[in-house]
Amino acid sequence: MKVIDRPSPNFDDRDGGHIQYLIFHYTGMEIAEAALERLCDPESKVSAHYTIDEDGTIYAHVPEDKRAWHAGASFWNEESSLNNTSIGIEIVNPGHEFGYKPFPEVQIKSVTQLSQEIIKRHDLELKNVLAHSDISPARKEDPGELFPWKELAGQGVGIWPDPSDEDAVKAAAIITQSALHDLGYDPRVKFRDKLVAFQRHFVPEVFESGEEGQETGLTKTRLYALLSEHLIAPGL
């Protein structure tokens, strides 16, 4: 795992915040260098702890014990301003605006290895590995529906639902909006924004079928399984 120091001046103290979350982003810029320059530009007022390039190279910007400025206006599980309590990883990808594409295998290998180390170092709960779109669903799409969340969960980075046949039956009766709030999404955000954010993370199939934003049976089943803590085990 190759790590290159590329310090950013855009950080401050955590002000007593305890690290609880790992947040994934995509850079959403046409080339990696433009993203790196922006993350290290004092005028931009944005940063992350790390950026991972398409070739797997990891750039370290901000020490983990400091607060990077990556989450912005954010909310999860009744907590706001997640910069205080999170580590942010930017993953080089042009994003939906500039030609969104799958993440290369070598890049995801670095994402996995770095994330495993962070999770171990800070004893993070796997359910607290989140997307930028999870914590800011009204304004963010990253890292998006092509990000391999299930693969990462199988390597002990994040969670992925493993619903039973019984879950699929019981899920039909859940109130989706309330269930999304129970999972951690911001109750003040429009329902469709939260639903699409959840689907980007846990039901990417709906983007292939054109059913994003709809309360499909698969969406409800996976949501129910997550709340029931019926999850795939790392290593599967």
C-alpha atoms as a PDB file:
ATOM      1  CA  MET A   1       0.000   0.000   0.000  1.00  0.00           C
ATOM      2  CA  LYS A   2       1.742   3.142  -1.249  1.00  0.00           C
ATOM      3  CA  VAL A   3       1.092   6.305   0.787  1.00  0.00           C
ATOM      4  CA  ILE A   4       2.395   9.715  -0.264  1.00  0.00           C
ATOM      5  CA  ASP A   5       2.266  12.728   2.028  1.00  0.00           C
ATOM      6  CA  ARG A   6       0.496  15.647   0.407  1.00  0.00           C
ATOM      7  CA  PRO A   7      -0.443  17.868   3.328  1.00  0.00           C
ATOM      8  CA  SER A   8      -3.472  20.133   3.299  1.00  0.00           C
ATOM      9  CA  PRO A   9      -3.669  23.270   5.443  1.00  0.00           C
ATOM     10  CA  ASN A  10      -7.435  22.867   5.683  1.00  0.00           C
ATOM     11  CA  PHE A  11      -8.000  21.318   9.105  1.00  0.00           C
ATOM     12  CA  ASP A  12      -8.454  22.204  12.731  1.00  0.00           C
ATOM     13  CA  ASP A  13      -8.874  20.511  16.106  1.00  0.00           C
ATOM     14  CA  ARG A  14     -11.675  18.035  16.656  1.00  0.00           C
ATOM     15  CA  ASP A  15     -12.855  20.077  19.635  1.00  0.00           C
ATOM     16  CA  GLY A  16     -13.347  16.993  21.759  1.00  0.00           C
ATOM     17  CA  GLY A  17     -15.032  14.939  19.024  1.00  0.00           C
ATOM     18  CA  HIS A  18     -14.405  11.188  19.218  1.00  0.00           C
ATOM     19  CA  ILE A  19     -13.824   9.405  15.901  1.00  0.00           C
ATOM     20  CA  GLN A  20     -16.865   7.215  15.188  1.00  0.00           C
ATOM     21  CA  TYR A  21     -17.412   7.322  11.423  1.00  0.00           C
ATOM     22  CA  LEU A  22     -15.596   6.600   8.187  1.00  0.00           C
ATOM     23  CA  ILE A  23     -17.050   8.525   5.245  1.00  0.00           C
ATOM     24  CA  PHE A  24     -16.393   7.718   1.576  1.00  0.00           C
ATOM     25  CA  HIS A  25     -16.557  10.362  -1.145  1.00  0.00           C
ATOM     26  CA  TYR A  26     -15.693  10.521  -4.793  1.00  0.00           C
ATOM     27  CA  THR A  27     -13.674  13.497  -6.012  1.00  0.00           C
ATOM     28  CA  GLY A  28     -16.179  14.409  -8.755  1.00  0.00           C
ATOM     29  CA  MET A  29     -13.565  16.197 -10.860  1.00  0.00           C
ATOM     30  CA  GLU A  30     -12.272  15.458 -14.333  1.00  0.00           C
ATOM     31  CA  ILE A  31      -8.731  14.558 -13.314  1.00  0.00           C
ATOM     32  CA  ALA A  32      -7.050  13.490 -10.087  1.00  0.00           C
ATOM     33  CA  GLU A  33      -4.562  16.348  -9.974  1.00  0.00           C
ATOM     34  CA  ALA A  34      -7.334  18.941 -10.023  1.00  0.00           C
ATOM     35  CA  ALA A  35      -8.925  17.267  -7.025  1.00  0.00           C
ATOM     36  CA  LEU A  36      -5.637  17.052  -5.158  1.00  0.00           C
ATOM     37  CA  GLU A  37      -4.917  20.709  -5.789  1.00  0.00           C
ATOM     38  CA  ARG A  38      -8.342  21.723  -4.523  1.00  0.00           C
ATOM     39  CA  LEU A  39      -8.056  19.612  -1.376  1.00  0.00           C
ATOM     40  CA  CYS A  40      -4.710  21.258  -0.606  1.00  0.00           C
ATOM     41  CA  ASP A  41      -5.633  24.826  -1.579  1.00  0.00           C
ATOM     42  CA  PRO A  42      -6.118  27.044   1.489  1.00  0.00           C
ATOM     43  CA  GLU A  43      -8.653  29.115  -0.446  1.00  0.00           C
ATOM     44  CA  SER A  44     -10.939  26.121  -1.076  1.00  0.00           C
ATOM     45  CA  LYS A  45     -11.679  25.495   2.608  1.00  0.00           C
ATOM     46  CA  VAL A  46     -12.167  21.776   1.899  1.00  0.00           C
ATOM     47  CA  SER A  47     -10.027  18.736   2.630  1.00  0.00           C
ATOM     48  CA  ALA A  48     -10.089  15.054   3.495  1.00  0.00           C
ATOM     49  CA  HIS A  49      -7.808  12.823   5.476  1.00  0.00           C
ATOM     50  CA  TYR A  50      -6.889  10.780   2.402  1.00  0.00           C
ATOM     51  CA  THR A  51      -7.362  10.615  -1.366  1.00  0.00           C
ATOM     52  CA  ILE A  52      -7.026   7.341  -3.274  1.00  0.00           C
ATOM     53  CA  ASP A  53      -6.083   7.569  -6.952  1.00  0.00           C
ATOM     54  CA  GLU A  54      -7.262   5.195  -9.670  1.00  0.00           C
ATOM     55  CA  ASP A  55      -3.908   3.379  -9.610  1.00  0.00           C
ATOM     56  CA  GLY A  56      -4.253   2.705  -5.875  1.00  0.00           C
ATOM     57  CA  THR A  57      -1.870   5.432  -4.714  1.00  0.00           C
ATOM     58  CA  ILE A  58      -2.940   6.906  -1.389  1.00  0.00           C
ATOM     59  CA  TYR A  59      -2.340  10.585  -0.631  1.00  0.00           C
ATOM     60  CA  ALA A  60      -2.365  11.589   3.042  1.00  0.00           C
ATOM     61  CA  HIS A  61      -3.637  15.124   3.600  1.00  0.00           C
ATOM     62  CA  VAL A  62      -4.697  15.587   7.225  1.00  0.00           C
ATOM     63  CA  PRO A  63      -3.647  13.668  10.365  1.00  0.00           C
ATOM     64  CA  GLU A  64      -6.433  11.423  11.630  1.00  0.00           C
ATOM     65  CA  ASP A  65      -6.518  13.128  15.015  1.00  0.00           C
ATOM     66  CA  LYS A  66      -7.406  16.421  13.308  1.00  0.00           C
ATOM     67  CA  ARG A  67     -10.727  17.512  11.809  1.00  0.00           C
ATOM     68  CA  ALA A  68     -10.698  17.584   8.018  1.00  0.00           C
ATOM     69  CA  TRP A  69     -13.371  19.580   6.180  1.00  0.00           C
ATOM     70  CA  HIS A  70     -15.045  16.940   4.027  1.00  0.00           C
ATOM     71  CA  ALA A  71     -18.564  16.289   5.320  1.00  0.00           C
ATOM     72  CA  GLY A  72     -20.063  19.781   5.260  1.00  0.00           C
ATOM     73  CA  ALA A  73     -23.663  20.078   6.423  1.00  0.00           C
ATOM     74  CA  SER A  74     -24.313  16.517   7.533  1.00  0.00           C
ATOM     75  CA  PHE A  75     -26.440  14.320   9.780  1.00  0.00           C
ATOM     76  CA  TRP A  76     -26.529  10.702  10.878  1.00  0.00           C
ATOM     77  CA  ASN A  77     -28.242   8.954  13.760  1.00  0.00           C
ATOM     78  CA  GLU A  78     -29.219  12.185  15.528  1.00  0.00           C
ATOM     79  CA  GLU A  79     -25.720  13.623  15.158  1.00  0.00           C
ATOM     80  CA  SER A  80     -24.862  16.616  12.988  1.00  0.00           C
ATOM     81  CA  SER A  81     -21.594  18.190  11.831  1.00  0.00           C
ATOM     82  CA  LEU A  82     -19.907  14.866  11.224  1.00  0.00           C
ATOM     83  CA  ASN A  83     -16.548  16.464  10.473  1.00  0.00           C
ATOM     84  CA  ASN A  84     -16.041  16.411  14.253  1.00  0.00           C
ATOM     85  CA  THR A  85     -16.360  12.636  14.532  1.00  0.00           C
ATOM     86  CA  SER A  86     -15.311  11.198  11.180  1.00  0.00           C
ATOM     87  CA  ILE A  87     -12.429  10.330   8.901  1.00  0.00           C
ATOM     88  CA  GLY A  88     -12.973  11.224   5.251  1.00  0.00           C
ATOM     89  CA  ILE A  89     -11.578   9.374   2.253  1.00  0.00           C
ATOM     90  CA  GLU A  90     -11.826  10.873  -1.232  1.00  0.00           C
ATOM     91  CA  ILE A  91     -11.771   8.320  -4.071  1.00  0.00           C
ATOM     92  CA  VAL A  92     -10.734   9.575  -7.488  1.00  0.00           C
ATOM     93  CA  ASN A  93     -13.662   9.271  -9.903  1.00  0.00           C
ATOM     94  CA  PRO A  94     -15.125  11.904 -12.256  1.00  0.00           C
ATOM     95  CA  GLY A  95     -18.530  11.411 -10.683  1.00  0.00           C
ATOM     96  CA  HIS A  96     -21.982  11.837 -12.163  1.00  0.00           C
ATOM     97  CA  GLU A  97     -21.175  15.250 -13.633  1.00  0.00           C
ATOM     98  CA  PHE A  98     -18.098  14.251 -15.630  1.00  0.00           C
ATOM     99  CA  GLY A  99     -18.668  10.641 -16.705  1.00  0.00           C
ATOM    100  CA  TYR A 100     -19.254   8.414 -13.687  1.00  0.00           C
ATOM    101  CA  LYS A 101     -17.588   5.031 -14.117  1.00  0.00           C
ATOM    102  CA  PRO A 102     -16.758   1.865 -12.173  1.00  0.00           C
ATOM    103  CA  PHE A 103     -13.936   2.018  -9.666  1.00  0.00           C
ATOM    104  CA  PRO A 104     -10.799   0.110 -10.729  1.00  0.00           C
ATOM    105  CA  GLU A 105      -9.935  -3.063  -8.818  1.00  0.00           C
ATOM    106  CA  VAL A 106      -6.531  -1.759  -7.768  1.00  0.00           C
ATOM    107  CA  GLN A 107      -8.145   1.389  -6.376  1.00  0.00           C
ATOM    108  CA  ILE A 108     -10.684  -0.602  -4.362  1.00  0.00           C
ATOM    109  CA  LYS A 109      -7.887  -2.784  -3.017  1.00  0.00           C
ATOM    110  CA  SER A 110      -6.266   0.333  -1.536  1.00  0.00           C
ATOM    111  CA  VAL A 111      -9.637   1.571  -0.254  1.00  0.00           C
ATOM    112  CA  THR A 112     -10.105  -1.781   1.482  1.00  0.00           C
ATOM    113  CA  GLN A 113      -6.646  -1.961   3.029  1.00  0.00           C
ATOM    114  CA  LEU A 114      -6.627   1.613   4.277  1.00  0.00           C
ATOM    115  CA  SER A 115     -10.167   1.324   5.632  1.00  0.00           C
ATOM    116  CA  GLN A 116      -9.398  -1.923   7.456  1.00  0.00           C
ATOM    117  CA  GLU A 117      -6.505  -0.185   9.189  1.00  0.00           C
ATOM    118  CA  ILE A 118      -8.640   2.847  10.129  1.00  0.00           C
ATOM    119  CA  ILE A 119     -11.467   0.667  11.456  1.00  0.00           C
ATOM    120  CA  LYS A 120      -9.034  -1.322  13.584  1.00  0.00           C
ATOM    121  CA  ARG A 121      -7.099   1.732  14.753  1.00  0.00           C
ATOM    122  CA  HIS A 122     -10.215   3.538  15.988  1.00  0.00           C
ATOM    123  CA  ASP A 123     -12.349   0.500  16.852  1.00  0.00           C
ATOM    124  CA  LEU A 124     -15.129   1.706  14.546  1.00  0.00           C
ATOM    125  CA  GLU A 125     -18.493  -0.017  14.317  1.00  0.00           C
ATOM    126  CA  LEU A 126     -18.940  -1.391  10.803  1.00  0.00           C
ATOM    127  CA  LYS A 127     -22.405   0.194  10.555  1.00  0.00           C
ATOM    128  CA  ASN A 128     -20.668   3.582  10.799  1.00  0.00           C
ATOM    129  CA  VAL A 129     -18.901   3.198   7.452  1.00  0.00           C
ATOM    130  CA  LEU A 130     -21.035   5.530   5.335  1.00  0.00           C
ATOM    131  CA  ALA A 131     -21.382   7.345   2.037  1.00  0.00           C
ATOM    132  CA  HIS A 132     -21.310  11.103   1.700  1.00  0.00           C
ATOM    133  CA  SER A 133     -24.778  10.697   0.205  1.00  0.00           C
ATOM    134  CA  ASP A 134     -25.965   8.937   3.380  1.00  0.00           C
ATOM    135  CA  ILE A 135     -25.061  11.857   5.602  1.00  0.00           C
ATOM    136  CA  SER A 136     -26.053  14.583   3.088  1.00  0.00           C
ATOM    137  CA  PRO A 137     -28.774  12.991   0.933  1.00  0.00           C
ATOM    138  CA  ALA A 138     -30.346  16.240  -0.247  1.00  0.00           C
ATOM    139  CA  ARG A 139     -27.177  17.489  -1.904  1.00  0.00           C
ATOM    140  CA  LYS A 140     -24.718  14.635  -2.487  1.00  0.00           C
ATOM    141  CA  GLU A 141     -24.598  11.489  -4.661  1.00  0.00           C
ATOM    142  CA  ASP A 142     -21.146  10.153  -3.878  1.00  0.00           C
ATOM    143  CA  PRO A 143     -19.556   7.701  -3.993  1.00  0.00           C
ATOM    144  CA  GLY A 144     -22.617   6.475  -5.876  1.00  0.00           C
ATOM    145  CA  GLU A 145     -24.322   3.313  -7.024  1.00  0.00           C
ATOM    146  CA  LEU A 146     -21.215   1.876  -8.747  1.00  0.00           C
ATOM    147  CA  PHE A 147     -19.209   1.803  -5.543  1.00  0.00           C
ATOM    148  CA  PRO A 148     -18.742  -1.854  -4.483  1.00  0.00           C
ATOM    149  CA  TRP A 149     -20.281  -1.719  -1.015  1.00  0.00           C
ATOM    150  CA  LYS A 150     -21.096  -5.441  -0.867  1.00  0.00           C
ATOM    151  CA  GLU A 151     -17.534  -6.391  -1.815  1.00  0.00           C
ATOM    152  CA  LEU A 152     -16.133  -4.089   0.857  1.00  0.00           C
ATOM    153  CA  ALA A 153     -18.500  -5.451   3.507  1.00  0.00           C
ATOM    154  CA  GLY A 154     -17.263  -8.934   2.690  1.00  0.00           C
ATOM    155  CA  GLN A 155     -13.778  -7.668   3.593  1.00  0.00           C
ATOM    156  CA  GLY A 156     -14.903  -6.177   6.896  1.00  0.00           C
ATOM    157  CA  VAL A 157     -15.418  -2.624   5.641  1.00  0.00           C
ATOM    158  CA  GLY A 158     -19.027  -1.582   6.260  1.00  0.00           C
ATOM    159  CA  ILE A 159     -22.155  -3.718   6.346  1.00  0.00           C
ATOM    160  CA  TRP A 160     -24.380  -5.407   3.797  1.00  0.00           C
ATOM    161  CA  PRO A 161     -27.830  -6.944   4.365  1.00  0.00           C
ATOM    162  CA  ASP A 162     -28.362 -10.702   4.246  1.00  0.00           C
ATOM    163  CA  PRO A 163     -32.163 -11.007   4.354  1.00  0.00           C
ATOM    164  CA  SER A 164     -33.970 -14.242   5.103  1.00  0.00           C
ATOM    165  CA  ASP A 165     -37.175 -15.392   3.428  1.00  0.00           C
ATOM    166  CA  GLU A 166     -38.996 -14.287   6.575  1.00  0.00           C
ATOM    167  CA  ASP A 167     -37.453 -10.821   6.305  1.00  0.00           C
ATOM    168  CA  ALA A 168     -38.889 -10.451   2.803  1.00  0.00           C
ATOM    169  CA  VAL A 169     -42.380 -11.198   4.119  1.00  0.00           C
ATOM    170  CA  LYS A 170     -42.150  -8.940   7.166  1.00  0.00           C
ATOM    171  CA  ALA A 171     -40.598  -6.099   5.162  1.00  0.00           C
ATOM    172  CA  ALA A 172     -43.812  -5.565   3.218  1.00  0.00           C
ATOM    173  CA  ALA A 173     -45.426  -4.035   6.304  1.00  0.00           C
ATOM    174  CA  ILE A 174     -42.716  -1.551   7.254  1.00  0.00           C
ATOM    175  CA  ILE A 175     -43.166   2.189   6.882  1.00  0.00           C
ATOM    176  CA  THR A 176     -40.145   2.991   4.724  1.00  0.00           C
ATOM    177  CA  GLN A 177     -39.712   6.590   5.811  1.00  0.00           C
ATOM    178  CA  SER A 178     -39.735   5.697   9.505  1.00  0.00           C
ATOM    179  CA  ALA A 179     -37.359   2.806   8.855  1.00  0.00           C
ATOM    180  CA  LEU A 180     -34.908   5.131   7.097  1.00  0.00           C
ATOM    181  CA  HIS A 181     -34.980   7.427  10.109  1.00  0.00           C
ATOM    182  CA  ASP A 182     -34.368   4.452  12.403  1.00  0.00           C
ATOM    183  CA  LEU A 183     -31.355   3.510  10.301  1.00  0.00           C
ATOM    184  CA  GLY A 184     -29.873   6.995  10.748  1.00  0.00           C
ATOM    185  CA  TYR A 185     -31.057   9.233   7.884  1.00  0.00           C
ATOM    186  CA  ASP A 186     -32.034  12.843   8.563  1.00  0.00           C
ATOM    187  CA  PRO A 187     -35.804  13.117   9.222  1.00  0.00           C
ATOM    188  CA  ARG A 188     -35.779  16.713   7.940  1.00  0.00           C
ATOM    189  CA  VAL A 189     -34.745  15.682   4.415  1.00  0.00           C
ATOM    190  CA  LYS A 190     -37.317  14.904   1.697  1.00  0.00           C
ATOM    191  CA  PHE A 191     -38.335  11.262   1.639  1.00  0.00           C
ATOM    192  CA  ARG A 192     -37.295  10.627  -1.960  1.00  0.00           C
ATOM    193  CA  ASP A 193     -33.814  12.051  -1.357  1.00  0.00           C
ATOM    194  CA  LYS A 194     -33.297   9.695   1.581  1.00  0.00           C
ATOM    195  CA  LEU A 195     -34.705   6.746  -0.340  1.00  0.00           C
ATOM    196  CA  VAL A 196     -32.423   7.313  -3.331  1.00  0.00           C
ATOM    197  CA  ALA A 197     -29.416   7.720  -1.028  1.00  0.00           C
ATOM    198  CA  PHE A 198     -30.248   4.425   0.643  1.00  0.00           C
ATOM    199  CA  GLN A 199     -30.606   2.762  -2.751  1.00  0.00           C
ATOM    200  CA  ARG A 200     -27.258   4.130  -3.952  1.00  0.00           C
ATOM    201  CA  HIS A 201     -25.659   2.376  -0.990  1.00  0.00           C
ATOM    202  CA  PHE A 202     -27.695  -0.794  -0.543  1.00  0.00           C
ATOM    203  CA  VAL A 203     -29.874  -1.372  -3.635  1.00  0.00           C
ATOM    204  CA  PRO A 204     -27.815  -0.380  -6.677  1.00  0.00           C
ATOM    205  CA  GLU A 205     -29.866  -2.693  -8.898  1.00  0.00           C
ATOM    206  CA  VAL A 206     -32.675  -0.128  -9.056  1.00  0.00           C
ATOM    207  CA  PHE A 207     -30.459   2.230 -11.049  1.00  0.00           C
ATOM    208  CA  GLU A 208     -30.139  -0.408 -13.760  1.00  0.00           C
ATOM    209  CA  SER A 209     -33.893  -1.034 -13.848  1.00  0.00           C
ATOM    210  CA  GLY A 210     -34.887   2.634 -13.659  1.00  0.00           C
ATOM    211  CA  GLU A 211     -36.689   2.116 -10.336  1.00  0.00           C
ATOM    212  CA  GLU A 212     -34.606   4.483  -8.233  1.00  0.00           C
ATOM    213  CA  GLY A 213     -36.796   6.517  -5.915  1.00  0.00           C
ATOM    214  CA  GLN A 214     -39.453   3.792  -5.815  1.00  0.00           C
ATOM    215  CA  GLU A 215     -40.269   1.662  -2.771  1.00  0.00           C
ATOM    216  CA  THR A 216     -39.444  -1.640  -4.415  1.00  0.00           C
ATOM    217  CA  GLY A 217     -39.786  -4.934  -2.592  1.00  0.00           C
ATOM    218  CA  LEU A 218     -36.035  -5.429  -2.677  1.00  0.00           C
ATOM    219  CA  THR A 219     -35.495  -1.988  -1.168  1.00  0.00           C
ATOM    220  CA  LYS A 220     -37.836  -2.698   1.733  1.00  0.00           C
ATOM    221  CA  THR A 221     -36.413  -6.168   2.283  1.00  0.00           C
ATOM    222  CA  ARG A 222     -32.823  -4.950   2.523  1.00  0.00           C
ATOM    223  CA  LEU A 223     -33.854  -2.074   4.763  1.00  0.00           C
ATOM    224  CA  TYR A 224     -35.663  -4.468   7.091  1.00  0.00           C
ATOM    225  CA  ALA A 225     -32.682  -6.831   7.154  1.00  0.00           C
ATOM    226  CA  LEU A 226     -30.323  -4.000   8.085  1.00  0.00           C
ATOM    227  CA  LEU A 227     -32.533  -2.883  10.948  1.00  0.00           C
ATOM    228  CA  SER A 228     -32.783  -6.505  12.093  1.00  0.00           C
ATOM    229  CA  GLU A 229     -28.984  -6.774  11.895  1.00  0.00           C
ATOM    230  CA  HIS A 230     -29.187  -9.668   9.452  1.00  0.00           C
ATOM    231  CA  LEU A 231     -25.868  -9.008   7.744  1.00  0.00           C
ATOM    232  CA  ILE A 232     -23.319 -10.844   5.662  1.00  0.00           C
ATOM    233  CA  ALA A 233     -20.298 -11.939   7.649  1.00  0.00           C
ATOM    234  CA  PRO A 234     -16.886 -10.573   6.617  1.00  0.00           C
ATOM    235  CA  GLY A 235     -14.991 -13.135   4.589  1.00  0.00           C
ATOM    236  CA  LEU A 236     -18.038 -14.356   2.636  1.00  0.00           C
END
